[in-house]
N, C-alpha and C. Protein backbone atom coordinates (compact mmCIF):
# COMPACT_ATOMS: atom_id res chain seq x y z
N MET A 1 11.31 -81.50 -0.13
CA MET A 1 10.73 -80.27 -0.49
C MET A 1 11.39 -79.63 -1.68
N ALA A 2 10.61 -79.05 -2.45
CA ALA A 2 11.04 -78.36 -3.58
C ALA A 2 11.25 -76.97 -3.27
N ALA A 3 12.37 -76.34 -3.81
CA ALA A 3 12.65 -75.05 -3.58
C ALA A 3 11.62 -74.12 -4.34
N MET A 4 11.16 -73.08 -3.75
CA MET A 4 10.28 -72.13 -4.43
C MET A 4 10.98 -70.96 -4.96
N LYS A 5 10.70 -70.68 -6.14
CA LYS A 5 11.34 -69.56 -6.89
C LYS A 5 10.36 -68.30 -6.94
N ASN A 6 10.70 -67.27 -6.35
CA ASN A 6 9.78 -66.08 -6.36
C ASN A 6 10.40 -65.08 -7.25
N ASP A 7 9.68 -64.84 -8.34
CA ASP A 7 10.06 -63.74 -9.30
C ASP A 7 9.17 -62.61 -9.21
N ILE A 8 9.85 -61.44 -9.37
CA ILE A 8 9.19 -60.17 -9.37
C ILE A 8 8.92 -59.77 -10.81
N ASN A 9 7.80 -59.38 -10.96
CA ASN A 9 7.34 -58.86 -12.30
C ASN A 9 7.65 -57.45 -12.39
N GLY A 10 8.90 -57.13 -12.96
CA GLY A 10 9.39 -55.73 -13.01
C GLY A 10 8.52 -54.77 -13.80
N PRO A 11 8.15 -55.11 -15.00
CA PRO A 11 7.26 -54.15 -15.68
C PRO A 11 5.97 -53.93 -15.10
N LEU A 12 5.34 -54.86 -14.58
CA LEU A 12 4.07 -54.64 -13.83
C LEU A 12 4.25 -53.78 -12.67
N LEU A 13 5.30 -53.99 -11.91
CA LEU A 13 5.67 -53.20 -10.74
C LEU A 13 5.89 -51.73 -11.16
N LEU A 14 6.58 -51.42 -12.18
CA LEU A 14 6.90 -50.12 -12.77
C LEU A 14 5.52 -49.48 -13.23
N THR A 15 4.71 -50.23 -14.00
CA THR A 15 3.39 -49.68 -14.34
C THR A 15 2.58 -49.26 -13.32
N ILE A 16 2.48 -50.05 -12.29
CA ILE A 16 1.57 -49.76 -11.05
C ILE A 16 2.22 -48.52 -10.36
N GLY A 17 3.49 -48.38 -10.27
CA GLY A 17 4.10 -47.23 -9.67
C GLY A 17 3.93 -46.01 -10.47
N ALA A 18 4.04 -46.00 -11.80
CA ALA A 18 3.79 -44.92 -12.59
C ALA A 18 2.33 -44.41 -12.57
N ILE A 19 1.41 -45.32 -12.66
CA ILE A 19 0.09 -44.96 -12.53
C ILE A 19 -0.30 -44.39 -11.23
N SER A 20 0.19 -44.93 -10.20
CA SER A 20 -0.08 -44.41 -8.77
C SER A 20 0.53 -42.91 -8.76
N ALA A 21 1.76 -42.69 -9.26
CA ALA A 21 2.31 -41.36 -9.12
C ALA A 21 1.52 -40.33 -9.89
N ILE A 22 0.95 -40.77 -11.13
CA ILE A 22 0.18 -39.93 -11.92
C ILE A 22 -1.23 -39.66 -11.20
N LEU A 23 -1.79 -40.71 -10.53
CA LEU A 23 -3.02 -40.42 -9.77
C LEU A 23 -2.82 -39.46 -8.61
N ILE A 24 -1.60 -39.69 -7.95
CA ILE A 24 -1.32 -38.62 -6.82
C ILE A 24 -1.21 -37.32 -7.34
N ILE A 25 -0.55 -37.13 -8.49
CA ILE A 25 -0.34 -35.78 -8.94
C ILE A 25 -1.71 -35.13 -9.30
N VAL A 26 -2.62 -36.01 -10.11
CA VAL A 26 -3.87 -35.45 -10.49
C VAL A 26 -4.68 -35.12 -9.25
N ALA A 27 -4.66 -35.95 -8.26
CA ALA A 27 -5.50 -35.67 -7.01
C ALA A 27 -4.99 -34.34 -6.40
N THR A 28 -3.63 -34.23 -6.37
CA THR A 28 -3.11 -32.94 -5.75
C THR A 28 -3.52 -31.65 -6.48
N ILE A 29 -3.49 -31.78 -7.77
CA ILE A 29 -3.87 -30.64 -8.60
C ILE A 29 -5.38 -30.35 -8.38
N ALA A 30 -6.17 -31.41 -8.41
CA ALA A 30 -7.65 -31.20 -8.17
C ALA A 30 -7.94 -30.56 -6.81
N VAL A 31 -7.28 -31.04 -5.76
CA VAL A 31 -7.54 -30.47 -4.45
C VAL A 31 -7.02 -29.06 -4.38
N ASP A 32 -5.97 -28.73 -5.04
CA ASP A 32 -5.41 -27.39 -5.11
C ASP A 32 -6.33 -26.39 -5.71
N GLY A 33 -6.94 -26.92 -6.87
CA GLY A 33 -7.93 -26.16 -7.62
C GLY A 33 -9.22 -25.90 -6.83
N TRP A 34 -9.71 -26.97 -6.19
CA TRP A 34 -10.83 -26.83 -5.40
C TRP A 34 -10.72 -25.87 -4.26
N TYR A 35 -9.51 -25.99 -3.52
CA TYR A 35 -9.18 -24.99 -2.46
C TYR A 35 -9.15 -23.55 -2.95
N LYS A 36 -8.50 -23.30 -4.09
CA LYS A 36 -8.40 -21.93 -4.60
C LYS A 36 -9.73 -21.41 -5.02
N SER A 37 -10.68 -22.31 -5.56
CA SER A 37 -11.98 -21.92 -5.91
C SER A 37 -12.76 -21.52 -4.68
N VAL A 38 -12.76 -22.24 -3.67
CA VAL A 38 -13.55 -22.00 -2.43
C VAL A 38 -12.86 -20.73 -1.75
N GLU A 39 -11.52 -20.63 -1.77
CA GLU A 39 -10.90 -19.45 -1.20
C GLU A 39 -11.37 -18.12 -1.92
N ALA A 40 -11.47 -18.23 -3.24
CA ALA A 40 -11.97 -16.99 -3.94
C ALA A 40 -13.37 -16.61 -3.64
N ASP A 41 -14.18 -17.73 -3.55
CA ASP A 41 -15.60 -17.51 -3.13
C ASP A 41 -15.68 -16.84 -1.77
N VAL A 42 -14.84 -17.28 -0.78
CA VAL A 42 -14.91 -16.77 0.55
C VAL A 42 -14.35 -15.31 0.46
N ILE A 43 -13.33 -14.92 -0.19
CA ILE A 43 -12.91 -13.59 -0.26
C ILE A 43 -13.90 -12.71 -0.94
N GLU A 44 -14.51 -13.23 -1.99
CA GLU A 44 -15.60 -12.35 -2.69
C GLU A 44 -16.80 -12.10 -1.77
N GLN A 45 -17.11 -13.11 -0.96
CA GLN A 45 -18.08 -12.93 0.04
C GLN A 45 -17.85 -11.93 1.07
N LYS A 46 -16.61 -12.05 1.61
CA LYS A 46 -16.17 -11.11 2.67
C LYS A 46 -16.09 -9.69 2.25
N TYR A 47 -15.67 -9.52 0.92
CA TYR A 47 -15.66 -8.25 0.30
C TYR A 47 -17.00 -7.64 0.12
N ALA A 48 -17.97 -8.50 -0.27
CA ALA A 48 -19.44 -8.04 -0.42
C ALA A 48 -20.03 -7.56 0.90
N GLU A 49 -19.57 -8.18 1.96
CA GLU A 49 -20.14 -7.92 3.24
C GLU A 49 -19.42 -6.59 3.85
N SER A 50 -18.24 -6.42 3.58
CA SER A 50 -17.63 -5.15 4.07
C SER A 50 -16.62 -4.68 3.02
N PRO A 51 -17.07 -3.85 2.05
CA PRO A 51 -16.27 -3.50 0.93
C PRO A 51 -15.15 -2.48 1.47
N ASN A 52 -14.03 -2.48 0.71
CA ASN A 52 -12.84 -1.72 0.92
C ASN A 52 -13.28 -0.17 0.45
N GLN A 53 -13.54 0.64 1.43
CA GLN A 53 -13.96 2.03 0.98
C GLN A 53 -12.74 2.81 0.32
N TRP A 54 -11.59 2.56 0.86
CA TRP A 54 -10.40 3.26 0.28
C TRP A 54 -10.31 2.85 -1.18
N LEU A 55 -10.30 1.52 -1.50
CA LEU A 55 -10.20 1.13 -2.80
C LEU A 55 -11.36 1.64 -3.71
N ASP A 56 -12.48 1.55 -3.20
CA ASP A 56 -13.70 2.06 -4.01
C ASP A 56 -13.63 3.52 -4.40
N THR A 57 -13.08 4.33 -3.39
CA THR A 57 -12.89 5.78 -3.55
C THR A 57 -11.83 5.99 -4.57
N LEU A 58 -10.67 5.24 -4.49
CA LEU A 58 -9.68 5.44 -5.53
C LEU A 58 -10.13 5.08 -6.88
N ARG A 59 -10.74 3.96 -6.98
CA ARG A 59 -11.30 3.56 -8.30
C ARG A 59 -12.31 4.54 -8.88
N GLN A 60 -13.15 5.12 -8.04
CA GLN A 60 -14.14 6.13 -8.50
C GLN A 60 -13.43 7.41 -8.87
N GLN A 61 -12.38 7.83 -8.14
CA GLN A 61 -11.57 8.99 -8.61
C GLN A 61 -10.85 8.72 -9.96
N GLN A 62 -10.47 7.56 -10.17
CA GLN A 62 -9.78 7.18 -11.39
C GLN A 62 -10.79 7.19 -12.56
N ARG A 63 -11.97 6.72 -12.29
CA ARG A 63 -12.98 6.71 -13.35
C ARG A 63 -13.42 8.22 -13.63
N ASP A 64 -13.53 9.04 -12.63
CA ASP A 64 -13.84 10.42 -12.74
C ASP A 64 -12.79 11.08 -13.68
N ASN A 65 -11.55 10.77 -13.30
CA ASN A 65 -10.44 11.40 -14.11
C ASN A 65 -10.35 10.99 -15.56
N LEU A 66 -10.92 9.82 -15.85
CA LEU A 66 -10.90 9.37 -17.20
C LEU A 66 -12.17 9.96 -17.97
N THR A 67 -13.21 10.28 -17.27
CA THR A 67 -14.41 10.84 -18.02
C THR A 67 -14.44 12.35 -17.93
N ASP A 68 -13.78 12.97 -17.03
CA ASP A 68 -13.82 14.46 -16.88
C ASP A 68 -13.05 15.06 -18.01
N GLU A 69 -13.52 16.04 -18.51
CA GLU A 69 -12.89 16.83 -19.59
C GLU A 69 -12.49 18.19 -19.02
N HIS A 70 -11.45 18.38 -18.52
CA HIS A 70 -11.02 19.58 -18.00
C HIS A 70 -9.47 19.81 -18.22
N GLN A 71 -9.09 21.06 -18.07
CA GLN A 71 -7.67 21.40 -18.39
C GLN A 71 -6.77 21.08 -17.32
N ILE A 72 -5.70 20.36 -17.52
CA ILE A 72 -4.70 20.08 -16.47
C ILE A 72 -3.82 21.26 -16.29
N ASN A 73 -3.24 21.76 -17.22
CA ASN A 73 -2.54 23.05 -17.12
C ASN A 73 -2.74 23.82 -18.41
N ARG A 74 -1.95 24.83 -18.66
CA ARG A 74 -2.28 25.71 -19.74
C ARG A 74 -2.30 25.05 -21.23
N ASN A 75 -1.45 24.13 -21.29
CA ASN A 75 -1.40 23.54 -22.68
C ASN A 75 -1.80 22.01 -22.74
N HIS A 76 -2.26 21.46 -21.65
CA HIS A 76 -2.64 20.06 -21.62
C HIS A 76 -4.07 19.96 -21.17
N TYR A 77 -4.83 19.17 -21.83
CA TYR A 77 -6.18 18.84 -21.44
C TYR A 77 -6.30 17.33 -21.31
N ARG A 78 -7.31 17.00 -20.48
CA ARG A 78 -7.65 15.56 -20.30
C ARG A 78 -8.87 15.25 -21.07
N LEU A 79 -8.69 14.26 -21.99
CA LEU A 79 -9.81 13.88 -22.87
C LEU A 79 -9.99 12.42 -22.89
N SER A 80 -11.21 11.97 -23.23
CA SER A 80 -11.36 10.58 -23.37
C SER A 80 -10.73 10.23 -24.78
N ILE A 81 -10.40 8.99 -25.00
CA ILE A 81 -9.78 8.53 -26.19
C ILE A 81 -10.64 8.87 -27.45
N ASP A 82 -12.01 8.61 -27.35
CA ASP A 82 -12.82 8.90 -28.33
C ASP A 82 -12.82 10.43 -28.73
N ASP A 83 -12.85 11.29 -27.65
CA ASP A 83 -12.83 12.65 -27.95
C ASP A 83 -11.47 13.08 -28.59
N ALA A 84 -10.46 12.50 -28.10
CA ALA A 84 -9.16 12.83 -28.58
C ALA A 84 -8.95 12.42 -30.07
N MET A 85 -9.58 11.31 -30.42
CA MET A 85 -9.58 10.89 -31.89
C MET A 85 -10.34 11.77 -32.75
N LYS A 86 -11.51 12.34 -32.25
CA LYS A 86 -12.28 13.37 -32.97
C LYS A 86 -11.48 14.55 -33.23
N VAL A 87 -10.72 15.02 -32.11
CA VAL A 87 -9.91 16.26 -32.27
C VAL A 87 -8.85 16.08 -33.34
N VAL A 88 -8.16 14.94 -33.23
CA VAL A 88 -7.09 14.74 -34.18
C VAL A 88 -7.83 14.59 -35.56
N ALA A 89 -8.78 14.02 -35.75
CA ALA A 89 -9.45 13.97 -37.08
C ALA A 89 -9.86 15.28 -37.55
N GLN A 90 -10.29 16.21 -36.71
CA GLN A 90 -10.76 17.55 -37.09
C GLN A 90 -9.49 18.32 -37.60
N ARG A 91 -8.40 18.10 -36.94
CA ARG A 91 -7.11 18.77 -37.25
C ARG A 91 -6.39 18.11 -38.38
N GLN A 92 -7.14 17.30 -39.13
CA GLN A 92 -6.50 16.59 -40.30
C GLN A 92 -5.31 15.76 -39.87
N TRP A 93 -5.44 15.02 -38.80
CA TRP A 93 -4.35 14.09 -38.31
C TRP A 93 -3.07 14.82 -37.94
N LYS A 94 -3.21 16.03 -37.68
CA LYS A 94 -1.99 16.82 -37.11
C LYS A 94 -2.14 16.92 -35.55
N ILE A 95 -1.28 16.40 -34.73
CA ILE A 95 -1.37 16.35 -33.41
C ILE A 95 -1.31 17.81 -32.75
N SER A 96 -0.27 18.61 -33.23
CA SER A 96 -0.12 20.03 -32.74
C SER A 96 -0.21 20.96 -33.84
N GLU A 97 -0.69 22.18 -33.50
CA GLU A 97 -0.87 23.17 -34.62
C GLU A 97 0.21 24.18 -34.51
C-alpha cells in the first residue's frame, strides 16, 4: 500500500472563510435593517391608533407661541422671524433705538 498524502489548500480555505464571514455580516445588517423598518412601521401604526395627547398639546402650544405676536414683558415682544426681519429693515438695520 502506498501512503496517501493529504494536503490542505490554505488559500482556498482562507478565501472560503473570508467570504463566509462577509456573507454573515451582510445578512446580519440586512436582518437588523428589516427589523428596524418593521418596528418603525408598528410604532407609527400604534401612534396613529392612539396618539399622545400630551405631546400633541405641547407641540400645538409651541406652534402657537411661534405664530402669536404678543408682548412678553414691557420691552420684549415675540415675533416671527419674517416679521423681525421687516422690523430690523424698517429701522435701517439698527436692532435697538
